[in-house]
Amino acid sequence: MTFSICAFLPATGELGVAVATCKPAIGGRVPFVRAGAGAVASQAVGNAWLGVAALDLLARGAPAPAALDAALAVDPTPERRQLHLVDARGEPAAWTGEATPDWKGHLAGAGFSAAGNTLVGPEVLERLAAAYQAATGDLAERLLAALEAADAAGGDRRGRQSAAIVVVRDDPFPYVDVRVDDDPAPLVPLRRILGLYRADRLASPRPRSDYLKQ
């Protein structure tokens, strides 16, 4: 029901997940991101516990392939799941179960993993990956460009409803966390919201020392 990308940007140390689907409020179910650990997307017949388990394994130092295998090993129906991730070194890993709805698949490149199911075809992920690799700017901008390219290629074959981007840097909370929970074209307001967030929160961030003095 979803297409998503997990990524690590070495230039800034950012980790993030971006996702879009035809279901509501996907930002609360698919992305799992932690500074210094990794970025995980758990989707298809979703099991949020898979995302939690994989992220905890990454936080304990497991590389992406080992975290993926260990998380799936405790799931009762892995054939229905789609789980993909990158660790804090940018190594990707992905799983697409045989029982996830077509079209389904995943692909990876340097510092990112892309996956989707219930898509119009493989061109969705191909366009997503190409757009991410060609994009510039911070990780949130690159992730949004990737979602937009995937959507333009047809995206989820059932339609559109929600989208989200979560990015962390070196704090125990998100650097960017924006989402659209219910809209017939969610990437349009998502770009607008990201612009508002960037102007209000990211243009002149308070130094960490100011917060620690409180």
N, C-alpha and C. Protein backbone atom coordinates (compact mmCIF):
# COMPACT_ATOMS: atom_id res chain seq x y z
N MET A 1 0.81 -1.21 0.00
CA MET A 1 0.00 0.00 0.00
C MET A 1 0.84 1.26 0.00
N THR A 2 2.14 1.13 -0.26
CA THR A 2 3.04 2.22 0.11
C THR A 2 4.28 2.24 -0.75
N PHE A 3 4.86 3.43 -0.95
CA PHE A 3 6.23 3.51 -1.40
C PHE A 3 7.00 4.41 -0.44
N SER A 4 8.25 4.04 -0.20
CA SER A 4 9.03 4.76 0.80
C SER A 4 10.51 4.67 0.47
N ILE A 5 11.27 5.55 1.12
CA ILE A 5 12.72 5.56 0.99
C ILE A 5 13.33 5.81 2.37
N CYS A 6 14.35 5.04 2.71
CA CYS A 6 15.16 5.23 3.91
C CYS A 6 16.54 5.68 3.44
N ALA A 7 17.12 6.68 4.11
CA ALA A 7 18.38 7.21 3.58
C ALA A 7 19.28 7.76 4.67
N PHE A 8 20.58 7.76 4.36
CA PHE A 8 21.62 8.37 5.18
C PHE A 8 22.39 9.32 4.29
N LEU A 9 22.56 10.57 4.75
CA LEU A 9 23.29 11.57 3.99
C LEU A 9 24.62 11.85 4.69
N PRO A 10 25.74 11.36 4.16
CA PRO A 10 27.01 11.51 4.86
C PRO A 10 27.42 12.96 5.11
N ALA A 11 27.08 13.85 4.17
CA ALA A 11 27.52 15.25 4.31
C ALA A 11 27.00 15.90 5.57
N THR A 12 25.83 15.51 6.03
CA THR A 12 25.23 16.12 7.22
C THR A 12 25.05 15.13 8.37
N GLY A 13 25.22 13.84 8.10
CA GLY A 13 24.95 12.82 9.10
C GLY A 13 23.48 12.56 9.33
N GLU A 14 22.63 13.09 8.46
CA GLU A 14 21.18 12.93 8.63
C GLU A 14 20.73 11.53 8.24
N LEU A 15 19.76 11.04 8.97
CA LEU A 15 19.05 9.80 8.67
C LEU A 15 17.58 10.13 8.52
N GLY A 16 16.90 9.49 7.57
CA GLY A 16 15.50 9.82 7.41
C GLY A 16 14.70 8.80 6.64
N VAL A 17 13.39 8.94 6.73
CA VAL A 17 12.43 8.13 5.99
C VAL A 17 11.38 9.05 5.39
N ALA A 18 11.01 8.78 4.14
CA ALA A 18 9.88 9.46 3.50
C ALA A 18 8.95 8.40 2.95
N VAL A 19 7.64 8.64 3.05
CA VAL A 19 6.67 7.62 2.68
C VAL A 19 5.41 8.27 2.15
N ALA A 20 4.73 7.59 1.21
CA ALA A 20 3.43 8.04 0.71
C ALA A 20 2.57 6.82 0.41
N THR A 21 1.25 7.00 0.52
CA THR A 21 0.34 5.87 0.37
C THR A 21 -1.08 6.36 0.11
N CYS A 22 -1.98 5.41 -0.12
CA CYS A 22 -3.40 5.75 -0.28
C CYS A 22 -4.18 5.54 1.02
N LYS A 23 -3.50 5.28 2.11
CA LYS A 23 -4.14 5.11 3.41
C LYS A 23 -3.92 6.36 4.26
N PRO A 24 -4.76 6.60 5.29
CA PRO A 24 -4.59 7.80 6.11
C PRO A 24 -3.45 7.70 7.11
N ALA A 25 -2.88 8.85 7.43
CA ALA A 25 -1.95 9.02 8.56
C ALA A 25 -0.79 8.02 8.53
N ILE A 26 -0.16 7.87 7.38
CA ILE A 26 0.91 6.88 7.25
C ILE A 26 2.15 7.28 8.05
N GLY A 27 2.31 8.57 8.33
CA GLY A 27 3.49 9.02 9.06
C GLY A 27 3.59 8.50 10.47
N GLY A 28 2.48 8.03 11.03
CA GLY A 28 2.50 7.50 12.38
C GLY A 28 2.75 6.01 12.45
N ARG A 29 2.88 5.33 11.28
CA ARG A 29 2.96 3.87 11.28
C ARG A 29 4.19 3.29 10.60
N VAL A 30 4.71 3.96 9.58
CA VAL A 30 5.78 3.37 8.78
C VAL A 30 7.18 3.81 9.20
N PRO A 31 7.45 5.11 9.43
CA PRO A 31 8.83 5.53 9.69
C PRO A 31 9.28 5.28 11.13
N PHE A 32 10.52 4.78 11.24
CA PHE A 32 11.18 4.62 12.54
C PHE A 32 12.61 5.10 12.36
N VAL A 33 12.98 6.19 13.04
CA VAL A 33 14.28 6.82 12.81
C VAL A 33 14.88 7.22 14.15
N ARG A 34 16.19 6.97 14.30
CA ARG A 34 16.87 7.35 15.53
C ARG A 34 18.29 7.81 15.20
N ALA A 35 18.66 8.97 15.73
CA ALA A 35 20.00 9.50 15.49
C ALA A 35 21.05 8.52 15.96
N GLY A 36 22.08 8.32 15.15
CA GLY A 36 23.16 7.43 15.50
C GLY A 36 22.85 5.96 15.35
N ALA A 37 21.63 5.63 14.97
CA ALA A 37 21.22 4.22 14.85
C ALA A 37 20.87 3.87 13.41
N GLY A 38 19.80 4.45 12.90
CA GLY A 38 19.40 4.14 11.54
C GLY A 38 18.01 4.65 11.21
N ALA A 39 17.54 4.25 10.04
CA ALA A 39 16.22 4.63 9.56
C ALA A 39 15.54 3.39 9.00
N VAL A 40 14.29 3.15 9.40
CA VAL A 40 13.57 1.93 9.08
C VAL A 40 12.18 2.28 8.57
N ALA A 41 11.70 1.52 7.57
CA ALA A 41 10.31 1.61 7.13
C ALA A 41 9.70 0.22 7.19
N SER A 42 8.58 0.08 7.90
CA SER A 42 7.86 -1.19 8.01
C SER A 42 6.49 -1.00 7.38
N GLN A 43 6.19 -1.76 6.31
CA GLN A 43 4.99 -1.50 5.53
C GLN A 43 4.40 -2.78 4.95
N ALA A 44 3.51 -2.66 3.98
CA ALA A 44 2.69 -3.74 3.41
C ALA A 44 1.60 -4.07 4.42
N VAL A 45 1.39 -5.33 4.76
CA VAL A 45 0.49 -5.64 5.87
C VAL A 45 1.28 -5.28 7.12
N GLY A 46 1.15 -4.03 7.52
CA GLY A 46 2.11 -3.42 8.43
C GLY A 46 2.17 -4.06 9.80
N ASN A 47 3.37 -4.16 10.31
CA ASN A 47 3.61 -4.58 11.68
C ASN A 47 4.58 -3.57 12.27
N ALA A 48 4.06 -2.61 13.01
CA ALA A 48 4.91 -1.56 13.56
C ALA A 48 5.97 -2.12 14.50
N TRP A 49 5.70 -3.27 15.12
CA TRP A 49 6.70 -3.86 16.01
C TRP A 49 7.97 -4.25 15.25
N LEU A 50 7.84 -4.56 13.96
CA LEU A 50 9.03 -4.85 13.17
C LEU A 50 9.93 -3.62 13.09
N GLY A 51 9.32 -2.46 12.89
CA GLY A 51 10.11 -1.23 12.86
C GLY A 51 10.80 -0.97 14.18
N VAL A 52 10.08 -1.16 15.27
CA VAL A 52 10.66 -0.98 16.61
C VAL A 52 11.82 -1.94 16.82
N ALA A 53 11.61 -3.20 16.48
CA ALA A 53 12.65 -4.22 16.70
C ALA A 53 13.89 -3.93 15.87
N ALA A 54 13.70 -3.60 14.59
CA ALA A 54 14.85 -3.33 13.72
C ALA A 54 15.62 -2.12 14.20
N LEU A 55 14.92 -1.08 14.62
CA LEU A 55 15.60 0.13 15.08
C LEU A 55 16.37 -0.13 16.38
N ASP A 56 15.80 -0.91 17.27
CA ASP A 56 16.51 -1.24 18.51
C ASP A 56 17.78 -2.04 18.21
N LEU A 57 17.71 -2.94 17.26
CA LEU A 57 18.89 -3.72 16.88
C LEU A 57 19.96 -2.81 16.27
N LEU A 58 19.55 -1.88 15.43
CA LEU A 58 20.51 -0.92 14.86
C LEU A 58 21.16 -0.10 15.97
N ALA A 59 20.36 0.33 16.95
CA ALA A 59 20.88 1.14 18.05
C ALA A 59 21.90 0.38 18.88
N ARG A 60 21.79 -0.94 18.89
CA ARG A 60 22.76 -1.76 19.63
C ARG A 60 23.98 -2.11 18.79
N GLY A 61 24.04 -1.55 17.57
CA GLY A 61 25.22 -1.72 16.74
C GLY A 61 25.14 -2.77 15.67
N ALA A 62 23.99 -3.43 15.52
CA ALA A 62 23.86 -4.43 14.46
C ALA A 62 23.89 -3.75 13.10
N PRO A 63 24.63 -4.28 12.13
CA PRO A 63 24.56 -3.73 10.78
C PRO A 63 23.20 -4.00 10.15
N ALA A 64 22.88 -3.25 9.11
CA ALA A 64 21.54 -3.32 8.53
C ALA A 64 21.10 -4.74 8.16
N PRO A 65 21.90 -5.54 7.46
CA PRO A 65 21.42 -6.88 7.11
C PRO A 65 21.12 -7.75 8.32
N ALA A 66 21.94 -7.67 9.35
CA ALA A 66 21.71 -8.46 10.56
C ALA A 66 20.46 -8.00 11.30
N ALA A 67 20.25 -6.68 11.36
CA ALA A 67 19.05 -6.15 12.02
C ALA A 67 17.80 -6.58 11.27
N LEU A 68 17.85 -6.56 9.96
CA LEU A 68 16.71 -7.00 9.15
C LEU A 68 16.38 -8.46 9.43
N ASP A 69 17.38 -9.33 9.37
CA ASP A 69 17.15 -10.76 9.56
C ASP A 69 16.63 -11.06 10.96
N ALA A 70 17.21 -10.41 11.96
CA ALA A 70 16.79 -10.69 13.33
C ALA A 70 15.37 -10.21 13.60
N ALA A 71 14.99 -9.07 13.05
CA ALA A 71 13.63 -8.57 13.24
C ALA A 71 12.61 -9.50 12.57
N LEU A 72 12.90 -9.91 11.34
CA LEU A 72 11.97 -10.78 10.62
C LEU A 72 11.86 -12.15 11.26
N ALA A 73 12.91 -12.59 11.94
CA ALA A 73 12.91 -13.92 12.54
C ALA A 73 11.86 -14.08 13.63
N VAL A 74 11.42 -12.99 14.22
CA VAL A 74 10.42 -13.08 15.29
C VAL A 74 9.02 -12.72 14.80
N ASP A 75 8.87 -12.46 13.51
CA ASP A 75 7.55 -12.12 12.97
C ASP A 75 6.84 -13.41 12.55
N PRO A 76 5.57 -13.58 12.91
CA PRO A 76 4.87 -14.83 12.58
C PRO A 76 4.53 -14.99 11.11
N THR A 77 4.43 -13.88 10.37
CA THR A 77 4.06 -13.95 8.95
C THR A 77 4.95 -13.02 8.13
N PRO A 78 6.23 -13.29 8.03
CA PRO A 78 7.12 -12.39 7.29
C PRO A 78 6.79 -12.31 5.81
N GLU A 79 6.11 -13.31 5.28
CA GLU A 79 5.75 -13.27 3.86
C GLU A 79 4.78 -12.15 3.53
N ARG A 80 4.12 -11.59 4.54
CA ARG A 80 3.17 -10.50 4.33
C ARG A 80 3.78 -9.12 4.56
N ARG A 81 5.05 -9.08 4.93
CA ARG A 81 5.68 -7.83 5.33
C ARG A 81 6.60 -7.28 4.25
N GLN A 82 6.82 -5.98 4.35
CA GLN A 82 7.89 -5.32 3.61
C GLN A 82 8.64 -4.45 4.62
N LEU A 83 9.93 -4.72 4.76
CA LEU A 83 10.75 -4.05 5.76
C LEU A 83 12.06 -3.66 5.10
N HIS A 84 12.43 -2.38 5.21
CA HIS A 84 13.72 -1.98 4.66
C HIS A 84 14.31 -0.88 5.52
N LEU A 85 15.64 -0.69 5.41
CA LEU A 85 16.33 0.17 6.36
C LEU A 85 17.72 0.53 5.86
N VAL A 86 18.29 1.55 6.51
CA VAL A 86 19.71 1.86 6.40
C VAL A 86 20.24 2.04 7.81
N ASP A 87 21.50 1.65 8.01
CA ASP A 87 22.11 1.87 9.31
C ASP A 87 22.86 3.20 9.32
N ALA A 88 23.50 3.52 10.43
CA ALA A 88 24.15 4.82 10.59
C ALA A 88 25.43 4.95 9.78
N ARG A 89 25.82 3.89 9.09
CA ARG A 89 26.94 3.96 8.14
C ARG A 89 26.45 4.05 6.70
N GLY A 90 25.14 4.00 6.53
CA GLY A 90 24.55 4.09 5.21
C GLY A 90 24.37 2.76 4.50
N GLU A 91 24.60 1.64 5.20
CA GLU A 91 24.41 0.33 4.56
C GLU A 91 22.93 -0.01 4.51
N PRO A 92 22.40 -0.36 3.34
CA PRO A 92 20.98 -0.68 3.22
C PRO A 92 20.71 -2.18 3.35
N ALA A 93 19.47 -2.51 3.65
CA ALA A 93 18.98 -3.89 3.63
C ALA A 93 17.47 -3.83 3.41
N ALA A 94 16.92 -4.85 2.75
CA ALA A 94 15.49 -4.81 2.45
C ALA A 94 14.92 -6.21 2.31
N TRP A 95 13.63 -6.31 2.63
CA TRP A 95 12.88 -7.55 2.49
C TRP A 95 11.51 -7.23 1.92
N THR A 96 11.08 -7.99 0.93
CA THR A 96 9.73 -7.91 0.39
C THR A 96 9.15 -9.32 0.40
N GLY A 97 8.15 -9.55 1.24
CA GLY A 97 7.55 -10.88 1.34
C GLY A 97 6.74 -11.25 0.11
N GLU A 98 6.69 -12.54 -0.17
CA GLU A 98 6.00 -13.02 -1.37
C GLU A 98 4.51 -12.71 -1.36
N ALA A 99 3.90 -12.58 -0.19
CA ALA A 99 2.46 -12.36 -0.10
C ALA A 99 2.08 -10.89 -0.06
N THR A 100 3.04 -9.99 -0.18
CA THR A 100 2.69 -8.57 -0.25
C THR A 100 2.08 -8.28 -1.61
N PRO A 101 1.17 -7.30 -1.70
CA PRO A 101 0.42 -7.09 -2.93
C PRO A 101 1.25 -6.49 -4.07
N ASP A 102 0.99 -6.99 -5.27
CA ASP A 102 1.70 -6.52 -6.47
C ASP A 102 1.20 -5.13 -6.89
N TRP A 103 2.03 -4.38 -7.65
CA TRP A 103 3.43 -4.68 -7.86
C TRP A 103 4.21 -4.36 -6.60
N LYS A 104 5.19 -5.21 -6.33
CA LYS A 104 5.98 -5.04 -5.13
C LYS A 104 7.45 -5.23 -5.47
N GLY A 105 8.31 -4.61 -4.65
CA GLY A 105 9.73 -4.79 -4.85
C GLY A 105 10.53 -3.78 -4.05
N HIS A 106 11.86 -3.91 -4.16
CA HIS A 106 12.75 -2.98 -3.49
C HIS A 106 14.03 -2.85 -4.29
N LEU A 107 14.75 -1.79 -4.05
CA LEU A 107 16.06 -1.59 -4.65
C LEU A 107 16.88 -0.71 -3.72
N ALA A 108 18.19 -0.68 -3.95
CA ALA A 108 19.07 0.06 -3.05
C ALA A 108 20.19 0.70 -3.84
N GLY A 109 20.77 1.74 -3.26
CA GLY A 109 21.94 2.41 -3.81
C GLY A 109 22.81 2.88 -2.67
N ALA A 110 23.78 3.70 -2.98
CA ALA A 110 24.70 4.19 -1.96
C ALA A 110 23.95 5.04 -0.93
N GLY A 111 23.83 4.52 0.28
CA GLY A 111 23.22 5.28 1.36
C GLY A 111 21.71 5.31 1.37
N PHE A 112 21.03 4.48 0.56
CA PHE A 112 19.56 4.51 0.59
C PHE A 112 18.98 3.16 0.22
N SER A 113 17.73 2.97 0.64
CA SER A 113 16.93 1.82 0.26
C SER A 113 15.54 2.32 -0.11
N ALA A 114 14.97 1.79 -1.18
CA ALA A 114 13.62 2.16 -1.61
C ALA A 114 12.79 0.90 -1.72
N ALA A 115 11.51 0.99 -1.36
CA ALA A 115 10.64 -0.18 -1.43
C ALA A 115 9.20 0.27 -1.62
N GLY A 116 8.40 -0.62 -2.22
CA GLY A 116 6.99 -0.29 -2.40
C GLY A 116 6.18 -1.52 -2.71
N ASN A 117 4.89 -1.40 -2.49
CA ASN A 117 3.94 -2.46 -2.84
C ASN A 117 2.64 -1.82 -3.27
N THR A 118 1.82 -2.59 -3.96
CA THR A 118 0.57 -2.10 -4.55
C THR A 118 0.86 -0.90 -5.47
N LEU A 119 1.95 -0.99 -6.21
CA LEU A 119 2.35 0.09 -7.11
C LEU A 119 1.90 -0.19 -8.54
N VAL A 120 1.95 0.83 -9.38
CA VAL A 120 1.58 0.63 -10.78
C VAL A 120 2.63 -0.19 -11.51
N GLY A 121 3.87 -0.22 -11.01
CA GLY A 121 4.92 -1.00 -11.63
C GLY A 121 6.29 -0.63 -11.11
N PRO A 122 7.33 -1.29 -11.60
CA PRO A 122 8.68 -1.05 -11.11
C PRO A 122 9.20 0.34 -11.40
N GLU A 123 8.61 1.01 -12.38
CA GLU A 123 9.08 2.36 -12.72
C GLU A 123 8.91 3.33 -11.55
N VAL A 124 8.01 3.04 -10.64
CA VAL A 124 7.82 3.93 -9.49
C VAL A 124 9.10 3.98 -8.65
N LEU A 125 9.64 2.83 -8.33
CA LEU A 125 10.88 2.80 -7.53
C LEU A 125 12.08 3.27 -8.34
N GLU A 126 12.09 2.96 -9.62
CA GLU A 126 13.21 3.41 -10.46
C GLU A 126 13.27 4.93 -10.51
N ARG A 127 12.11 5.57 -10.68
CA ARG A 127 12.07 7.03 -10.71
C ARG A 127 12.39 7.61 -9.34
N LEU A 128 11.90 6.97 -8.28
CA LEU A 128 12.18 7.43 -6.93
C LEU A 128 13.69 7.44 -6.68
N ALA A 129 14.35 6.32 -6.99
CA ALA A 129 15.78 6.22 -6.75
C ALA A 129 16.56 7.22 -7.59
N ALA A 130 16.20 7.36 -8.85
CA ALA A 130 16.92 8.29 -9.72
C ALA A 130 16.78 9.72 -9.23
N ALA A 131 15.58 10.08 -8.78
CA ALA A 131 15.36 11.44 -8.30
C ALA A 131 16.14 11.70 -7.02
N TYR A 132 16.18 10.72 -6.13
CA TYR A 132 16.94 10.90 -4.90
C TYR A 132 18.42 11.10 -5.20
N GLN A 133 18.96 10.31 -6.08
CA GLN A 133 20.37 10.40 -6.40
C GLN A 133 20.72 11.70 -7.12
N ALA A 134 19.76 12.26 -7.86
CA ALA A 134 20.02 13.50 -8.59
C ALA A 134 19.75 14.75 -7.77
N ALA A 135 19.04 14.62 -6.66
CA ALA A 135 18.61 15.78 -5.88
C ALA A 135 19.77 16.40 -5.12
N THR A 136 19.59 17.67 -4.78
CA THR A 136 20.55 18.39 -3.94
C THR A 136 19.82 18.94 -2.73
N GLY A 137 20.57 19.56 -1.83
CA GLY A 137 19.98 20.12 -0.62
C GLY A 137 20.11 19.17 0.55
N ASP A 138 19.40 19.49 1.63
CA ASP A 138 19.46 18.63 2.80
C ASP A 138 18.64 17.37 2.57
N LEU A 139 18.65 16.49 3.54
CA LEU A 139 18.01 15.20 3.33
C LEU A 139 16.51 15.33 3.13
N ALA A 140 15.85 16.21 3.87
CA ALA A 140 14.40 16.36 3.71
C ALA A 140 14.04 16.75 2.29
N GLU A 141 14.79 17.68 1.69
CA GLU A 141 14.52 18.10 0.32
C GLU A 141 14.73 16.95 -0.65
N ARG A 142 15.77 16.18 -0.46
CA ARG A 142 16.06 15.05 -1.35
C ARG A 142 14.99 13.97 -1.23
N LEU A 143 14.54 13.72 -0.01
CA LEU A 143 13.49 12.72 0.19
C LEU A 143 12.18 13.16 -0.46
N LEU A 144 11.85 14.43 -0.33
CA LEU A 144 10.62 14.92 -0.94
C LEU A 144 10.70 14.84 -2.47
N ALA A 145 11.84 15.19 -3.03
CA ALA A 145 12.01 15.08 -4.48
C ALA A 145 11.81 13.63 -4.93
N ALA A 146 12.29 12.69 -4.14
CA ALA A 146 12.12 11.28 -4.47
C ALA A 146 10.65 10.87 -4.45
N LEU A 147 9.91 11.29 -3.42
CA LEU A 147 8.48 10.98 -3.36
C LEU A 147 7.74 11.58 -4.54
N GLU A 148 8.05 12.80 -4.88
CA GLU A 148 7.37 13.46 -5.99
C GLU A 148 7.61 12.74 -7.32
N ALA A 149 8.83 12.27 -7.52
CA ALA A 149 9.13 11.54 -8.75
C ALA A 149 8.38 10.21 -8.80
N ALA A 150 8.33 9.52 -7.67
CA ALA A 150 7.59 8.26 -7.61
C ALA A 150 6.11 8.47 -7.86
N ASP A 151 5.57 9.52 -7.28
CA ASP A 151 4.16 9.85 -7.48
C ASP A 151 3.87 10.17 -8.95
N ALA A 152 4.77 10.92 -9.58
CA ALA A 152 4.60 11.27 -10.99
C ALA A 152 4.65 10.04 -11.90
N ALA A 153 5.34 8.99 -11.43
CA ALA A 153 5.41 7.75 -12.20
C ALA A 153 4.20 6.84 -11.98
N GLY A 154 3.27 7.26 -11.15
CA GLY A 154 2.05 6.49 -10.92
C GLY A 154 1.81 6.08 -9.48
N GLY A 155 2.90 5.93 -8.72
CA GLY A 155 2.77 5.67 -7.29
C GLY A 155 1.92 4.47 -6.95
N ASP A 156 1.17 4.62 -5.88
CA ASP A 156 0.23 3.61 -5.40
C ASP A 156 -0.90 3.48 -6.42
N ARG A 157 -1.14 2.28 -6.91
CA ARG A 157 -2.13 2.11 -7.98
C ARG A 157 -3.56 2.35 -7.53
N ARG A 158 -3.79 2.45 -6.22
CA ARG A 158 -5.15 2.69 -5.72
C ARG A 158 -5.44 4.16 -5.48
N GLY A 159 -4.40 5.01 -5.51
CA GLY A 159 -4.64 6.43 -5.30
C GLY A 159 -3.68 7.03 -4.28
N ARG A 160 -4.08 8.18 -3.72
CA ARG A 160 -3.23 8.94 -2.82
C ARG A 160 -4.04 9.39 -1.61
N GLN A 161 -3.40 9.46 -0.45
CA GLN A 161 -4.10 9.99 0.72
C GLN A 161 -3.17 10.63 1.74
N SER A 162 -2.02 10.04 2.03
CA SER A 162 -1.16 10.63 3.06
C SER A 162 0.31 10.46 2.71
N ALA A 163 1.14 11.28 3.37
CA ALA A 163 2.58 11.24 3.13
C ALA A 163 3.29 11.86 4.34
N ALA A 164 4.58 11.52 4.49
CA ALA A 164 5.32 12.03 5.65
C ALA A 164 6.82 11.97 5.38
N ILE A 165 7.54 12.84 6.09
CA ILE A 165 9.01 12.86 6.08
C ILE A 165 9.47 13.02 7.52
N VAL A 166 10.39 12.15 7.95
CA VAL A 166 11.02 12.27 9.26
C VAL A 166 12.53 12.20 9.06
N VAL A 167 13.25 13.19 9.61
CA VAL A 167 14.71 13.25 9.51
C VAL A 167 15.28 13.55 10.89
N VAL A 168 16.37 12.87 11.23
CA VAL A 168 17.09 13.17 12.47
C VAL A 168 18.52 13.58 12.14
N ARG A 169 19.09 14.37 13.03
CA ARG A 169 20.52 14.69 12.96
C ARG A 169 21.21 14.05 14.17
N ASP A 170 21.65 14.86 15.14
CA ASP A 170 22.35 14.28 16.28
C ASP A 170 21.63 14.50 17.59
N ASP A 171 20.36 14.80 17.53
CA ASP A 171 19.56 15.01 18.73
C ASP A 171 18.62 13.82 18.95
N PRO A 172 18.09 13.65 20.17
CA PRO A 172 17.18 12.54 20.45
C PRO A 172 15.73 12.83 20.04
N PHE A 173 15.55 13.73 19.11
CA PHE A 173 14.23 14.08 18.57
C PHE A 173 14.42 14.48 17.12
N PRO A 174 13.35 14.50 16.32
CA PRO A 174 13.51 14.76 14.89
C PRO A 174 13.99 16.18 14.59
N TYR A 175 14.82 16.27 13.57
CA TYR A 175 15.20 17.55 12.99
C TYR A 175 14.07 18.05 12.09
N VAL A 176 13.46 17.15 11.35
CA VAL A 176 12.28 17.43 10.54
C VAL A 176 11.26 16.33 10.79
N ASP A 177 10.01 16.71 11.01
CA ASP A 177 8.92 15.75 11.15
C ASP A 177 7.67 16.43 10.62
N VAL A 178 7.37 16.19 9.34
CA VAL A 178 6.22 16.81 8.70
C VAL A 178 5.39 15.74 8.03
N ARG A 179 4.08 15.97 7.99
CA ARG A 179 3.20 14.96 7.42
C ARG A 179 1.89 15.57 6.98
N VAL A 180 1.24 14.87 6.07
CA VAL A 180 -0.13 15.18 5.65
C VAL A 180 -0.91 13.89 5.83
N ASP A 181 -1.94 13.93 6.64
CA ASP A 181 -2.64 12.71 7.03
C ASP A 181 -3.82 12.35 6.15
N ASP A 182 -4.42 13.33 5.44
CA ASP A 182 -5.59 13.02 4.63
C ASP A 182 -5.78 14.11 3.58
N ASP A 183 -5.38 13.82 2.36
CA ASP A 183 -5.51 14.78 1.27
C ASP A 183 -5.48 14.02 -0.05
N PRO A 184 -6.27 14.42 -1.04
CA PRO A 184 -6.27 13.69 -2.31
C PRO A 184 -4.98 13.81 -3.10
N ALA A 185 -4.15 14.79 -2.75
CA ALA A 185 -2.83 14.95 -3.39
C ALA A 185 -1.85 15.37 -2.31
N PRO A 186 -1.48 14.48 -1.39
CA PRO A 186 -0.77 14.87 -0.16
C PRO A 186 0.61 15.48 -0.37
N LEU A 187 1.26 15.19 -1.48
CA LEU A 187 2.60 15.73 -1.66
C LEU A 187 2.60 17.23 -1.93
N VAL A 188 1.48 17.76 -2.42
CA VAL A 188 1.39 19.21 -2.64
C VAL A 188 1.42 19.96 -1.31
N PRO A 189 0.53 19.66 -0.36
CA PRO A 189 0.63 20.34 0.93
C PRO A 189 1.87 19.94 1.72
N LEU A 190 2.41 18.73 1.48
CA LEU A 190 3.61 18.35 2.20
C LEU A 190 4.78 19.26 1.82
N ARG A 191 4.91 19.59 0.55
CA ARG A 191 5.96 20.53 0.14
C ARG A 191 5.73 21.90 0.77
N ARG A 192 4.49 22.35 0.80
CA ARG A 192 4.20 23.65 1.42
C ARG A 192 4.52 23.63 2.91
N ILE A 193 4.14 22.57 3.59
CA ILE A 193 4.40 22.47 5.03
C ILE A 193 5.89 22.40 5.31
N LEU A 194 6.63 21.66 4.48
CA LEU A 194 8.07 21.60 4.67
C LEU A 194 8.69 22.99 4.51
N GLY A 195 8.21 23.77 3.56
CA GLY A 195 8.69 25.13 3.39
C GLY A 195 8.41 26.00 4.60
N LEU A 196 7.20 25.88 5.16
CA LEU A 196 6.86 26.64 6.36
C LEU A 196 7.71 26.20 7.54
N TYR A 197 7.90 24.90 7.67
CA TYR A 197 8.71 24.36 8.76
C TYR A 197 10.15 24.84 8.63
N ARG A 198 10.67 24.82 7.40
CA ARG A 198 12.04 25.25 7.18
C ARG A 198 12.23 26.71 7.57
N ALA A 199 11.29 27.56 7.19
CA ALA A 199 11.39 28.99 7.49
C ALA A 199 11.24 29.27 8.98
N ASP A 200 10.39 28.51 9.65
CA ASP A 200 10.11 28.80 11.05
C ASP A 200 11.07 28.10 12.00
N ARG A 201 11.46 26.86 11.68
CA ARG A 201 12.22 26.05 12.63
C ARG A 201 13.69 25.88 12.26
N LEU A 202 13.98 25.87 10.98
CA LEU A 202 15.33 25.52 10.56
C LEU A 202 16.18 26.70 10.13
N ALA A 203 15.54 27.83 9.78
CA ALA A 203 16.30 28.98 9.28
C ALA A 203 17.19 29.57 10.36
N SER A 204 16.68 29.65 11.59
CA SER A 204 17.46 30.23 12.70
C SER A 204 17.29 29.38 13.95
N PRO A 205 17.82 28.16 13.93
CA PRO A 205 17.66 27.29 15.10
C PRO A 205 18.40 27.83 16.31
N ARG A 206 17.85 27.62 17.48
CA ARG A 206 18.52 28.03 18.71
C ARG A 206 19.70 27.11 18.98
N PRO A 207 20.82 27.64 19.43
CA PRO A 207 21.95 26.77 19.78
C PRO A 207 21.57 25.81 20.89
N ARG A 208 22.13 24.63 20.82
CA ARG A 208 21.82 23.62 21.83
C ARG A 208 22.15 24.14 23.23
N SER A 209 23.19 24.94 23.36
CA SER A 209 23.58 25.44 24.69
C SER A 209 22.50 26.29 25.32
N ASP A 210 21.70 27.00 24.49
CA ASP A 210 20.61 27.81 25.03
C ASP A 210 19.57 26.93 25.72
N TYR A 211 19.28 25.77 25.14
CA TYR A 211 18.32 24.87 25.74
C TYR A 211 18.87 24.23 27.01
N LEU A 212 20.13 23.87 26.96
CA LEU A 212 20.72 23.16 28.10
C LEU A 212 20.84 24.04 29.33
N LYS A 213 20.83 25.36 29.13
CA LYS A 213 20.91 26.29 30.27
C LYS A 213 19.59 26.42 30.99
N GLN A 214 18.52 26.01 30.37
CA GLN A 214 17.20 26.18 30.99
C GLN A 214 16.99 25.18 32.12
